[in-house]
Amino acid sequence: VQLQASGGGLVQAGGSLRLSCAASRGIFGSNLMGWYRQAPGKQRELVARVTTGGSTKYSDSVKGRFTISRDNAKNTVYLQMNSLKPEDTAVYYCNLDTVRMTYWGQGTQVTVSS
């Protein structure tokens, strides 16, 4: 399975971006799709994830500002990011966790200017 992420870019603080990540094929069975991010000099961290059934989990730092969703028919996960802050600047990675394997996308840069 290949994951293709898109939607990153440069935005001013307070602005919005929407990330998308499409899997190259459907995955049989339950799985998790999510977004992680890694800022320079920091470890990769979970931003948000969503189950096949639509249950979500967010990091405390993005609760109330980011919304994750998925379209199972399109094998796609989205991350709507509102009220962006400079500390949200990072490379964002799409992730797919299945029973057998974990897959990562190539990463997309999000830069928030103050």
PDB file of N, CA and C in Angstrom:
ATOM      1  N   VAL A   1       0.850  -1.182   0.000  1.00  0.00           N
ATOM      2  CA  VAL A   1       0.000   0.000   0.000  1.00  0.00           C
ATOM      3  C   VAL A   1       0.888   1.235   0.000  1.00  0.00           C
ATOM      4  N   GLN A   2       0.571   2.171  -0.872  1.00  0.00           N
ATOM      5  CA  GLN A   2       1.273   3.455  -0.876  1.00  0.00           C
ATOM      6  C   GLN A   2       0.322   4.544  -0.412  1.00  0.00           C
ATOM      7  N   LEU A   3       0.871   5.476   0.350  1.00  0.00           N
ATOM      8  CA  LEU A   3       0.086   6.593   0.861  1.00  0.00           C
ATOM      9  C   LEU A   3       0.587   7.877   0.217  1.00  0.00           C
ATOM     10  N   GLN A   4      -0.304   8.635  -0.364  1.00  0.00           N
ATOM     11  CA  GLN A   4       0.050   9.879  -1.043  1.00  0.00           C
ATOM     12  C   GLN A   4      -0.607  11.044  -0.307  1.00  0.00           C
ATOM     13  N   ALA A   5       0.235  11.846   0.332  1.00  0.00           N
ATOM     14  CA  ALA A   5      -0.257  12.992   1.087  1.00  0.00           C
ATOM     15  C   ALA A   5      -0.157  14.272   0.266  1.00  0.00           C
ATOM     16  N   SER A   6      -1.068  15.175   0.535  1.00  0.00           N
ATOM     17  CA  SER A   6      -1.047  16.468  -0.138  1.00  0.00           C
ATOM     18  C   SER A   6      -1.711  17.514   0.743  1.00  0.00           C
ATOM     19  N   GLY A   7      -1.517  18.785   0.403  1.00  0.00           N
ATOM     20  CA  GLY A   7      -2.231  19.846   1.078  1.00  0.00           C
ATOM     21  C   GLY A   7      -1.404  20.715   1.998  1.00  0.00           C
ATOM     22  N   GLY A   8      -0.142  20.399   2.190  1.00  0.00           N
ATOM     23  CA  GLY A   8       0.691  21.233   3.040  1.00  0.00           C
ATOM     24  C   GLY A   8       0.999  22.567   2.385  1.00  0.00           C
ATOM     25  N   GLY A   9       1.648  23.435   3.141  1.00  0.00           N
ATOM     26  CA  GLY A   9       2.017  24.725   2.583  1.00  0.00           C
ATOM     27  C   GLY A   9       2.361  25.721   3.651  1.00  0.00           C
ATOM     28  N   LEU A  10       2.422  26.985   3.233  1.00  0.00           N
ATOM     29  CA  LEU A  10       2.745  28.090   4.129  1.00  0.00           C
ATOM     30  C   LEU A  10       1.481  28.885   4.403  1.00  0.00           C
ATOM     31  N   VAL A  11       1.235  29.148   5.680  1.00  0.00           N
ATOM     32  CA  VAL A  11       0.039  29.894   6.065  1.00  0.00           C
ATOM     33  C   VAL A  11       0.377  30.785   7.254  1.00  0.00           C
ATOM     34  N   GLN A  12      -0.334  31.873   7.378  1.00  0.00           N
ATOM     35  CA  GLN A  12      -0.138  32.748   8.528  1.00  0.00           C
ATOM     36  C   GLN A  12      -0.842  32.199   9.761  1.00  0.00           C
ATOM     37  N   ALA A  13      -0.360  32.575  10.910  1.00  0.00           N
ATOM     38  CA  ALA A  13      -0.993  32.161  12.153  1.00  0.00           C
ATOM     39  C   ALA A  13      -2.468  32.550  12.131  1.00  0.00           C
ATOM     40  N   GLY A  14      -3.296  31.626  12.600  1.00  0.00           N
ATOM     41  CA  GLY A  14      -4.729  31.834  12.574  1.00  0.00           C
ATOM     42  C   GLY A  14      -5.404  31.295  11.335  1.00  0.00           C
ATOM     43  N   GLY A  15      -4.619  30.922  10.356  1.00  0.00           N
ATOM     44  CA  GLY A  15      -5.154  30.416   9.101  1.00  0.00           C
ATOM     45  C   GLY A  15      -5.492  28.938   9.157  1.00  0.00           C
ATOM     46  N   SER A  16      -5.879  28.414   8.002  1.00  0.00           N
ATOM     47  CA  SER A  16      -6.323  27.027   7.903  1.00  0.00           C
ATOM     48  C   SER A  16      -5.652  26.316   6.733  1.00  0.00           C
ATOM     49  N   LEU A  17      -5.502  25.019   6.897  1.00  0.00           N
ATOM     50  CA  LEU A  17      -5.052  24.145   5.829  1.00  0.00           C
ATOM     51  C   LEU A  17      -5.793  22.829   5.945  1.00  0.00           C
ATOM     52  N   ARG A  18      -5.910  22.143   4.818  1.00  0.00           N
ATOM     53  CA  ARG A  18      -6.514  20.820   4.819  1.00  0.00           C
ATOM     54  C   ARG A  18      -5.554  19.835   4.163  1.00  0.00           C
ATOM     55  N   LEU A  19      -5.192  18.825   4.923  1.00  0.00           N
ATOM     56  CA  LEU A  19      -4.330  17.768   4.398  1.00  0.00           C
ATOM     57  C   LEU A  19      -5.186  16.589   3.954  1.00  0.00           C
ATOM     58  N   SER A  20      -4.727  15.939   2.895  1.00  0.00           N
ATOM     59  CA  SER A  20      -5.386  14.734   2.402  1.00  0.00           C
ATOM     60  C   SER A  20      -4.348  13.637   2.235  1.00  0.00           C
ATOM     61  N   CYS A  21      -4.777  12.415   2.413  1.00  0.00           N
ATOM     62  CA  CYS A  21      -3.885  11.272   2.217  1.00  0.00           C
ATOM     63  C   CYS A  21      -4.701  10.131   1.646  1.00  0.00           C
ATOM     64  N   ALA A  22      -4.303   9.700   0.466  1.00  0.00           N
ATOM     65  CA  ALA A  22      -5.018   8.634  -0.210  1.00  0.00           C
ATOM     66  C   ALA A  22      -4.171   7.361  -0.244  1.00  0.00           C
ATOM     67  N   ALA A  23      -4.776   6.264   0.128  1.00  0.00           N
ATOM     68  CA  ALA A  23      -4.126   4.962   0.027  1.00  0.00           C
ATOM     69  C   ALA A  23      -4.327   4.405  -1.380  1.00  0.00           C
ATOM     70  N   SER A  24      -3.330   3.690  -1.850  1.00  0.00           N
ATOM     71  CA  SER A  24      -3.360   3.211  -3.237  1.00  0.00           C
ATOM     72  C   SER A  24      -4.386   2.107  -3.465  1.00  0.00           C
ATOM     73  N   ARG A  25      -4.842   1.495  -2.368  1.00  0.00           N
ATOM     74  CA  ARG A  25      -5.880   0.479  -2.489  1.00  0.00           C
ATOM     75  C   ARG A  25      -6.603   0.346  -1.157  1.00  0.00           C
ATOM     76  N   GLY A  26      -7.725  -0.286  -1.193  1.00  0.00           N
ATOM     77  CA  GLY A  26      -8.475  -0.487   0.024  1.00  0.00           C
ATOM     78  C   GLY A  26      -7.831  -1.546   0.905  1.00  0.00           C
ATOM     79  N   ILE A  27      -8.091  -1.436   2.178  1.00  0.00           N
ATOM     80  CA  ILE A  27      -7.560  -2.373   3.158  1.00  0.00           C
ATOM     81  C   ILE A  27      -8.712  -3.163   3.758  1.00  0.00           C
ATOM     82  N   PHE A  28      -8.599  -4.485   3.676  1.00  0.00           N
ATOM     83  CA  PHE A  28      -9.641  -5.328   4.242  1.00  0.00           C
ATOM     84  C   PHE A  28      -9.510  -5.361   5.751  1.00  0.00           C
ATOM     85  N   GLY A  29     -10.619  -5.152   6.425  1.00  0.00           N
ATOM     86  CA  GLY A  29     -10.606  -5.241   7.879  1.00  0.00           C
ATOM     87  C   GLY A  29     -10.406  -3.901   8.551  1.00  0.00           C
ATOM     88  N   SER A  30     -10.483  -3.965   9.875  1.00  0.00           N
ATOM     89  CA  SER A  30     -10.340  -2.742  10.659  1.00  0.00           C
ATOM     90  C   SER A  30      -8.925  -2.192  10.584  1.00  0.00           C
ATOM     91  N   ASN A  31      -8.832  -0.888  10.607  1.00  0.00           N
ATOM     92  CA  ASN A  31      -7.519  -0.263  10.594  1.00  0.00           C
ATOM     93  C   ASN A  31      -7.622   1.147  11.162  1.00  0.00           C
ATOM     94  N   LEU A  32      -6.478   1.721  11.402  1.00  0.00           N
ATOM     95  CA  LEU A  32      -6.385   3.101  11.861  1.00  0.00           C
ATOM     96  C   LEU A  32      -5.710   3.933  10.780  1.00  0.00           C
ATOM     97  N   MET A  33      -6.243   5.091  10.492  1.00  0.00           N
ATOM     98  CA  MET A  33      -5.559   6.060   9.635  1.00  0.00           C
ATOM     99  C   MET A  33      -5.334   7.313  10.465  1.00  0.00           C
ATOM    100  N   GLY A  34      -4.192   7.910  10.273  1.00  0.00           N
ATOM    101  CA  GLY A  34      -3.910   9.064  11.107  1.00  0.00           C
ATOM    102  C   GLY A  34      -2.819   9.951  10.548  1.00  0.00           C
ATOM    103  N   TRP A  35      -2.537  10.973  11.325  1.00  0.00           N
ATOM    104  CA  TRP A  35      -1.508  11.936  10.989  1.00  0.00           C
ATOM    105  C   TRP A  35      -0.554  12.083  12.172  1.00  0.00           C
ATOM    106  N   TYR A  36       0.707  12.074  11.852  1.00  0.00           N
ATOM    107  CA  TYR A  36       1.763  12.363  12.809  1.00  0.00           C
ATOM    108  C   TYR A  36       2.524  13.583  12.285  1.00  0.00           C
ATOM    109  N   ARG A  37       3.293  14.192  13.156  1.00  0.00           N
ATOM    110  CA  ARG A  37       4.117  15.314  12.711  1.00  0.00           C
ATOM    111  C   ARG A  37       5.465  15.282  13.413  1.00  0.00           C
ATOM    112  N   GLN A  38       6.430  15.867  12.736  1.00  0.00           N
ATOM    113  CA  GLN A  38       7.770  15.939  13.296  1.00  0.00           C
ATOM    114  C   GLN A  38       8.364  17.300  12.998  1.00  0.00           C
ATOM    115  N   ALA A  39       8.632  18.028  14.058  1.00  0.00           N
ATOM    116  CA  ALA A  39       9.279  19.337  13.944  1.00  0.00           C
ATOM    117  C   ALA A  39      10.787  19.142  14.042  1.00  0.00           C
ATOM    118  N   PRO A  40      11.568  20.082  13.523  1.00  0.00           N
ATOM    119  CA  PRO A  40      13.029  19.954  13.583  1.00  0.00           C
ATOM    120  C   PRO A  40      13.529  19.762  15.007  1.00  0.00           C
ATOM    121  N   GLY A  41      14.338  18.735  15.199  1.00  0.00           N
ATOM    122  CA  GLY A  41      14.918  18.478  16.513  1.00  0.00           C
ATOM    123  C   GLY A  41      13.997  17.805  17.499  1.00  0.00           C
ATOM    124  N   LYS A  42      12.802  17.439  17.039  1.00  0.00           N
ATOM    125  CA  LYS A  42      11.834  16.804  17.939  1.00  0.00           C
ATOM    126  C   LYS A  42      11.453  15.425  17.415  1.00  0.00           C
ATOM    127  N   GLN A  43      10.885  14.633  18.302  1.00  0.00           N
ATOM    128  CA  GLN A  43      10.422  13.303  17.918  1.00  0.00           C
ATOM    129  C   GLN A  43       9.099  13.403  17.166  1.00  0.00           C
ATOM    130  N   ARG A  44       8.845  12.402  16.359  1.00  0.00           N
ATOM    131  CA  ARG A  44       7.558  12.327  15.672  1.00  0.00           C
ATOM    132  C   ARG A  44       6.463  12.091  16.710  1.00  0.00           C
ATOM    133  N   GLU A  45       5.354  12.804  16.560  1.00  0.00           N
ATOM    134  CA  GLU A  45       4.269  12.688  17.523  1.00  0.00           C
ATOM    135  C   GLU A  45       2.936  12.504  16.809  1.00  0.00           C
ATOM    136  N   LEU A  46       2.038  11.836  17.502  1.00  0.00           N
ATOM    137  CA  LEU A  46       0.695  11.665  16.975  1.00  0.00           C
ATOM    138  C   LEU A  46      -0.047  12.994  17.004  1.00  0.00           C
ATOM    139  N   VAL A  47      -0.727  13.293  15.894  1.00  0.00           N
ATOM    140  CA  VAL A  47      -1.591  14.461  15.842  1.00  0.00           C
ATOM    141  C   VAL A  47      -3.041  14.032  16.029  1.00  0.00           C
ATOM    142  N   ALA A  48      -3.466  13.090  15.205  1.00  0.00           N
ATOM    143  CA  ALA A  48      -4.840  12.598  15.280  1.00  0.00           C
ATOM    144  C   ALA A  48      -4.933  11.285  14.530  1.00  0.00           C
ATOM    145  N   ARG A  49      -5.905  10.463  14.912  1.00  0.00           N
ATOM    146  CA  ARG A  49      -6.125   9.233  14.184  1.00  0.00           C
ATOM    147  C   ARG A  49      -7.608   8.894  14.225  1.00  0.00           C
ATOM    148  N   VAL A  50      -8.023   8.068  13.288  1.00  0.00           N
ATOM    149  CA  VAL A  50      -9.441   7.707  13.172  1.00  0.00           C
ATOM    150  C   VAL A  50      -9.534   6.237  12.792  1.00  0.00           C
ATOM    151  N   THR A  51     -10.465   5.545  13.424  1.00  0.00           N
ATOM    152  CA  THR A  51     -10.668   4.137  13.125  1.00  0.00           C
ATOM    153  C   THR A  51     -11.541   3.969  11.888  1.00  0.00           C
ATOM    154  N   THR A  52     -11.636   2.757  11.435  1.00  0.00           N
ATOM    155  CA  THR A  52     -12.498   2.457  10.295  1.00  0.00           C
ATOM    156  C   THR A  52     -13.933   2.875  10.594  1.00  0.00           C
ATOM    157  N   GLY A  53     -14.330   2.726  11.836  1.00  0.00           N
ATOM    158  CA  GLY A  53     -15.696   3.066  12.229  1.00  0.00           C
ATOM    159  C   GLY A  53     -15.916   4.533  12.538  1.00  0.00           C
ATOM    160  N   GLY A  54     -14.832   5.326  12.511  1.00  0.00           N
ATOM    161  CA  GLY A  54     -14.992   6.763  12.703  1.00  0.00           C
ATOM    162  C   GLY A  54     -14.651   7.287  14.086  1.00  0.00           C
ATOM    163  N   SER A  55     -14.190   6.444  14.974  1.00  0.00           N
ATOM    164  CA  SER A  55     -13.763   6.935  16.289  1.00  0.00           C
ATOM    165  C   SER A  55     -12.443   7.671  16.155  1.00  0.00           C
ATOM    166  N   THR A  56     -12.341   8.774  16.880  1.00  0.00           N
ATOM    167  CA  THR A  56     -11.176   9.640  16.721  1.00  0.00           C
ATOM    168  C   THR A  56     -10.408   9.832  18.023  1.00  0.00           C
ATOM    169  N   LYS A  57      -9.140  10.188  17.849  1.00  0.00           N
ATOM    170  CA  LYS A  57      -8.293  10.536  18.973  1.00  0.00           C
ATOM    171  C   LYS A  57      -7.401  11.689  18.528  1.00  0.00           C
ATOM    172  N   TYR A  58      -7.233  12.665  19.426  1.00  0.00           N
ATOM    173  CA  TYR A  58      -6.420  13.840  19.116  1.00  0.00           C
ATOM    174  C   TYR A  58      -5.380  14.059  20.204  1.00  0.00           C
ATOM    175  N   SER A  59      -4.271  14.649  19.807  1.00  0.00           N
ATOM    176  CA  SER A  59      -3.327  15.089  20.813  1.00  0.00           C
ATOM    177  C   SER A  59      -3.921  16.316  21.501  1.00  0.00           C
ATOM    178  N   ASP A  60      -3.537  16.540  22.736  1.00  0.00           N
ATOM    179  CA  ASP A  60      -4.077  17.667  23.488  1.00  0.00           C
ATOM    180  C   ASP A  60      -3.766  18.993  22.804  1.00  0.00           C
ATOM    181  N   SER A  61      -2.650  19.075  22.120  1.00  0.00           N
ATOM    182  CA  SER A  61      -2.227  20.337  21.529  1.00  0.00           C
ATOM    183  C   SER A  61      -3.080  20.771  20.337  1.00  0.00           C
ATOM    184  N   VAL A  62      -3.844  19.854  19.763  1.00  0.00           N
ATOM    185  CA  VAL A  62      -4.641  20.218  18.587  1.00  0.00           C
ATOM    186  C   VAL A  62      -6.143  20.083  18.819  1.00  0.00           C
ATOM    187  N   LYS A  63      -6.547  19.585  19.973  1.00  0.00           N
ATOM    188  CA  LYS A  63      -7.977  19.428  20.264  1.00  0.00           C
ATOM    189  C   LYS A  63      -8.698  20.749  20.107  1.00  0.00           C
ATOM    190  N   GLY A  64      -9.832  20.697  19.424  1.00  0.00           N
ATOM    191  CA  GLY A  64     -10.630  21.895  19.233  1.00  0.00           C
ATOM    192  C   GLY A  64     -10.209  22.723  18.031  1.00  0.00           C
ATOM    193  N   ARG A  65      -9.060  22.411  17.451  1.00  0.00           N
ATOM    194  CA  ARG A  65      -8.583  23.172  16.282  1.00  0.00           C
ATOM    195  C   ARG A  65      -8.502  22.295  15.028  1.00  0.00           C
ATOM    196  N   PHE A  66      -8.145  21.030  15.221  1.00  0.00           N
ATOM    197  CA  PHE A  66      -7.992  20.116  14.084  1.00  0.00           C
ATOM    198  C   PHE A  66      -9.136  19.106  14.085  1.00  0.00           C
ATOM    199  N   THR A  67      -9.521  18.685  12.882  1.00  0.00           N
ATOM    200  CA  THR A  67     -10.547  17.661  12.738  1.00  0.00           C
ATOM    201  C   THR A  67     -10.072  16.616  11.736  1.00  0.00           C
ATOM    202  N   ILE A  68     -10.068  15.367  12.175  1.00  0.00           N
ATOM    203  CA  ILE A  68      -9.699  14.274  11.278  1.00  0.00           C
ATOM    204  C   ILE A  68     -10.956  13.570  10.809  1.00  0.00           C
ATOM    205  N   SER A  69     -10.940  13.153   9.557  1.00  0.00           N
ATOM    206  CA  SER A  69     -12.071  12.408   9.008  1.00  0.00           C
ATOM    207  C   SER A  69     -11.540  11.463   7.940  1.00  0.00           C
ATOM    208  N   ARG A  70     -12.384  10.528   7.562  1.00  0.00           N
ATOM    209  CA  ARG A  70     -11.962   9.592   6.525  1.00  0.00           C
ATOM    210  C   ARG A  70     -13.134   9.230   5.631  1.00  0.00           C
ATOM    211  N   ASP A  71     -12.809   8.892   4.397  1.00  0.00           N
ATOM    212  CA  ASP A  71     -13.783   8.417   3.434  1.00  0.00           C
ATOM    213  C   ASP A  71     -13.335   7.010   3.058  1.00  0.00           C
ATOM    214  N   ASN A  72     -13.974   6.013   3.627  1.00  0.00           N
ATOM    215  CA  ASN A  72     -13.538   4.632   3.400  1.00  0.00           C
ATOM    216  C   ASN A  72     -13.704   4.215   1.939  1.00  0.00           C
ATOM    217  N   ALA A  73     -14.703   4.759   1.276  1.00  0.00           N
ATOM    218  CA  ALA A  73     -14.920   4.411  -0.133  1.00  0.00           C
ATOM    219  C   ALA A  73     -13.773   4.905  -1.007  1.00  0.00           C
ATOM    220  N   LYS A  74     -13.137   6.002  -0.581  1.00  0.00           N
ATOM    221  CA  LYS A  74     -12.030   6.573  -1.342  1.00  0.00           C
ATOM    222  C   LYS A  74     -10.667   6.234  -0.740  1.00  0.00           C
ATOM    223  N   ASN A  75     -10.683   5.454   0.353  1.00  0.00           N
ATOM    224  CA  ASN A  75      -9.423   5.097   1.031  1.00  0.00           C
ATOM    225  C   ASN A  75      -8.609   6.343   1.369  1.00  0.00           C
ATOM    226  N   THR A  76      -9.283   7.362   1.840  1.00  0.00           N
ATOM    227  CA  THR A  76      -8.647   8.663   2.057  1.00  0.00           C
ATOM    228  C   THR A  76      -8.931   9.172   3.462  1.00  0.00           C
ATOM    229  N   VAL A  77      -7.912   9.780   4.057  1.00  0.00           N
ATOM    230  CA  VAL A  77      -8.062  10.422   5.351  1.00  0.00           C
ATOM    231  C   VAL A  77      -7.734  11.906   5.186  1.00  0.00           C
ATOM    232  N   TYR A  78      -8.448  12.735   5.932  1.00  0.00           N
ATOM    233  CA  TYR A  78      -8.287  14.180   5.848  1.00  0.00           C
ATOM    234  C   TYR A  78      -7.944  14.743   7.216  1.00  0.00           C
ATOM    235  N   LEU A  79      -7.244  15.862   7.205  1.00  0.00           N
ATOM    236  CA  LEU A  79      -6.988  16.590   8.436  1.00  0.00           C
ATOM    237  C   LEU A  79      -7.270  18.063   8.178  1.00  0.00           C
ATOM    238  N   GLN A  80      -8.365  18.550   8.728  1.00  0.00           N
ATOM    239  CA  GLN A  80      -8.694  19.959   8.644  1.00  0.00           C
ATOM    240  C   GLN A  80      -8.041  20.678   9.810  1.00  0.00           C
ATOM    241  N   MET A  81      -7.177  21.624   9.501  1.00  0.00           N
ATOM    242  CA  MET A  81      -6.425  22.327  10.532  1.00  0.00           C
ATOM    243  C   MET A  81      -6.841  23.793  10.538  1.00  0.00           C
ATOM    244  N   ASN A  82      -7.443  24.214  11.623  1.00  0.00           N
ATOM    245  CA  ASN A  82      -7.882  25.602  11.788  1.00  0.00           C
ATOM    246  C   ASN A  82      -7.107  26.263  12.924  1.00  0.00           C
ATOM    247  N   SER A  83      -7.163  27.569  12.952  1.00  0.00           N
ATOM    248  CA  SER A  83      -6.494  28.345  14.004  1.00  0.00           C
ATOM    249  C   SER A  83      -5.046  27.902  14.177  1.00  0.00           C
ATOM    250  N   LEU A  84      -4.357  27.809  13.078  1.00  0.00           N
ATOM    251  CA  LEU A  84      -2.995  27.310  13.107  1.00  0.00           C
ATOM    252  C   LEU A  84      -2.063  28.241  13.870  1.00  0.00           C
ATOM    253  N   LYS A  85      -1.097  27.628  14.541  1.00  0.00           N
ATOM    254  CA  LYS A  85      -0.129  28.356  15.351  1.00  0.00           C
ATOM    255  C   LYS A  85       1.279  28.062  14.818  1.00  0.00           C
ATOM    256  N   PRO A  86       2.213  28.959  15.079  1.00  0.00           N
ATOM    257  CA  PRO A  86       3.600  28.695  14.637  1.00  0.00           C
ATOM    258  C   PRO A  86       4.137  27.356  15.150  1.00  0.00           C
ATOM    259  N   GLU A  87       3.703  26.942  16.337  1.00  0.00           N
ATOM    260  CA  GLU A  87       4.183  25.673  16.885  1.00  0.00           C
ATOM    261  C   GLU A  87       3.598  24.458  16.166  1.00  0.00           C
ATOM    262  N   ASP A  88       2.674  24.671  15.255  1.00  0.00           N
ATOM    263  CA  ASP A  88       2.173  23.569  14.419  1.00  0.00           C
ATOM    264  C   ASP A  88       3.100  23.293  13.238  1.00  0.00           C
ATOM    265  N   THR A  89       4.095  24.141  13.050  1.00  0.00           N
ATOM    266  CA  THR A  89       5.039  23.951  11.951  1.00  0.00           C
ATOM    267  C   THR A  89       5.776  22.630  12.095  1.00  0.00           C
ATOM    268  N   ALA A  90       5.711  21.811  11.057  1.00  0.00           N
ATOM    269  CA  ALA A  90       6.320  20.486  11.087  1.00  0.00           C
ATOM    270  C   ALA A  90       6.114  19.811   9.739  1.00  0.00           C
ATOM    271  N   VAL A  91       6.765  18.690   9.577  1.00  0.00           N
ATOM    272  CA  VAL A  91       6.432  17.795   8.469  1.00  0.00           C
ATOM    273  C   VAL A  91       5.349  16.850   8.973  1.00  0.00           C
ATOM    274  N   TYR A  92       4.264  16.783   8.245  1.00  0.00           N
ATOM    275  CA  TYR A  92       3.124  15.951   8.638  1.00  0.00           C
ATOM    276  C   TYR A  92       3.142  14.666   7.811  1.00  0.00           C
ATOM    277  N   TYR A  93       3.031  13.548   8.516  1.00  0.00           N
ATOM    278  CA  TYR A  93       3.085  12.235   7.883  1.00  0.00           C
ATOM    279  C   TYR A  93       1.750  11.517   8.047  1.00  0.00           C
ATOM    280  N   CYS A  94       1.297  10.980   6.939  1.00  0.00           N
ATOM    281  CA  CYS A  94       0.116  10.147   6.951  1.00  0.00           C
ATOM    282  C   CYS A  94       0.504   8.737   7.394  1.00  0.00           C
ATOM    283  N   ASN A  95      -0.383   8.083   8.121  1.00  0.00           N
ATOM    284  CA  ASN A  95      -0.094   6.765   8.674  1.00  0.00           C
ATOM    285  C   ASN A  95      -1.296   5.848   8.508  1.00  0.00           C
ATOM    286  N   LEU A  96      -1.004   4.602   8.197  1.00  0.00           N
ATOM    287  CA  LEU A  96      -2.042   3.574   8.126  1.00  0.00           C
ATOM    288  C   LEU A  96      -1.573   2.377   8.930  1.00  0.00           C
ATOM    289  N   ASP A  97      -2.346   2.035   9.938  1.00  0.00           N
ATOM    290  CA  ASP A  97      -2.042   0.884  10.792  1.00  0.00           C
ATOM    291  C   ASP A  97      -3.049  -0.220  10.527  1.00  0.00           C
ATOM    292  N   THR A  98      -2.569  -1.352  10.032  1.00  0.00           N
ATOM    293  CA  THR A  98      -3.433  -2.501   9.867  1.00  0.00           C
ATOM    294  C   THR A  98      -3.008  -3.574  10.861  1.00  0.00           C
ATOM    295  N   VAL A  99      -3.703  -4.676  10.848  1.00  0.00           N
ATOM    296  CA  VAL A  99      -3.345  -5.778  11.738  1.00  0.00           C
ATOM    297  C   VAL A  99      -1.939  -6.295  11.427  1.00  0.00           C
ATOM    298  N   ARG A 100      -1.597  -6.274  10.165  1.00  0.00           N
ATOM    299  CA  ARG A 100      -0.329  -6.872   9.741  1.00  0.00           C
ATOM    300  C   ARG A 100       0.815  -5.886   9.619  1.00  0.00           C
ATOM    301  N   MET A 101       0.527  -4.685   9.183  1.00  0.00           N
ATOM    302  CA  MET A 101       1.623  -3.768   8.870  1.00  0.00           C
ATOM    303  C   MET A 101       1.253  -2.324   9.165  1.00  0.00           C
ATOM    304  N   THR A 102       2.308  -1.502   9.253  1.00  0.00           N
ATOM    305  CA  THR A 102       2.160  -0.062   9.371  1.00  0.00           C
ATOM    306  C   THR A 102       2.761   0.583   8.128  1.00  0.00           C
ATOM    307  N   TYR A 103       2.038   1.527   7.560  1.00  0.00           N
ATOM    308  CA  TYR A 103       2.483   2.216   6.363  1.00  0.00           C
ATOM    309  C   TYR A 103       2.602   3.713   6.650  1.00  0.00           C
ATOM    310  N   TRP A 104       3.579   4.342   5.967  1.00  0.00           N
ATOM    311  CA  TRP A 104       3.785   5.783   6.118  1.00  0.00           C
ATOM    312  C   TRP A 104       3.785   6.452   4.753  1.00  0.00           C
ATOM    313  N   GLY A 105       3.215   7.648   4.728  1.00  0.00           N
ATOM    314  CA  GLY A 105       3.304   8.478   3.542  1.00  0.00           C
ATOM    315  C   GLY A 105       4.620   9.233   3.516  1.00  0.00           C
ATOM    316  N   GLN A 106       4.819  10.035   2.476  1.00  0.00           N
ATOM    317  CA  GLN A 106       6.107  10.686   2.267  1.00  0.00           C
ATOM    318  C   GLN A 106       6.283  11.958   3.085  1.00  0.00           C
ATOM    319  N   GLY A 107       5.244  12.452   3.692  1.00  0.00           N
ATOM    320  CA  GLY A 107       5.358  13.669   4.486  1.00  0.00           C
ATOM    321  C   GLY A 107       5.051  14.904   3.669  1.00  0.00           C
ATOM    322  N   THR A 108       4.395  15.851   4.302  1.00  0.00           N
ATOM    323  CA  THR A 108       4.102  17.127   3.661  1.00  0.00           C
ATOM    324  C   THR A 108       4.402  18.252   4.660  1.00  0.00           C
ATOM    325  N   GLN A 109       5.081  19.280   4.186  1.00  0.00           N
ATOM    326  CA  GLN A 109       5.517  20.360   5.064  1.00  0.00           C
ATOM    327  C   GLN A 109       4.387  21.342   5.334  1.00  0.00           C
ATOM    328  N   VAL A 110       4.198  21.645   6.608  1.00  0.00           N
ATOM    329  CA  VAL A 110       3.274  22.693   7.021  1.00  0.00           C
ATOM    330  C   VAL A 110       4.097  23.746   7.764  1.00  0.00           C
ATOM    331  N   THR A 111       4.031  24.969   7.288  1.00  0.00           N
ATOM    332  CA  THR A 111       4.759  26.067   7.916  1.00  0.00           C
ATOM    333  C   THR A 111       3.775  27.167   8.271  1.00  0.00           C
ATOM    334  N   VAL A 112       3.770  27.545   9.541  1.00  0.00           N
ATOM    335  CA  VAL A 112       2.874  28.588  10.022  1.00  0.00           C
ATOM    336  C   VAL A 112       3.726  29.777  10.457  1.00  0.00           C
ATOM    337  N   SER A 113       3.531  30.896   9.802  1.00  0.00           N
ATOM    338  CA  SER A 113       4.309  32.091  10.117  1.00  0.00           C
ATOM    339  C   SER A 113       3.572  32.944  11.145  1.00  0.00           C
ATOM    340  N   SER A 114       4.356  33.612  11.974  1.00  0.00           N
ATOM    341  CA  SER A 114       3.741  34.436  13.034  1.00  0.00           C
ATOM    342  C   SER A 114       3.471  35.853  12.551  1.00  0.00           C
TER     343      SER A 114
END
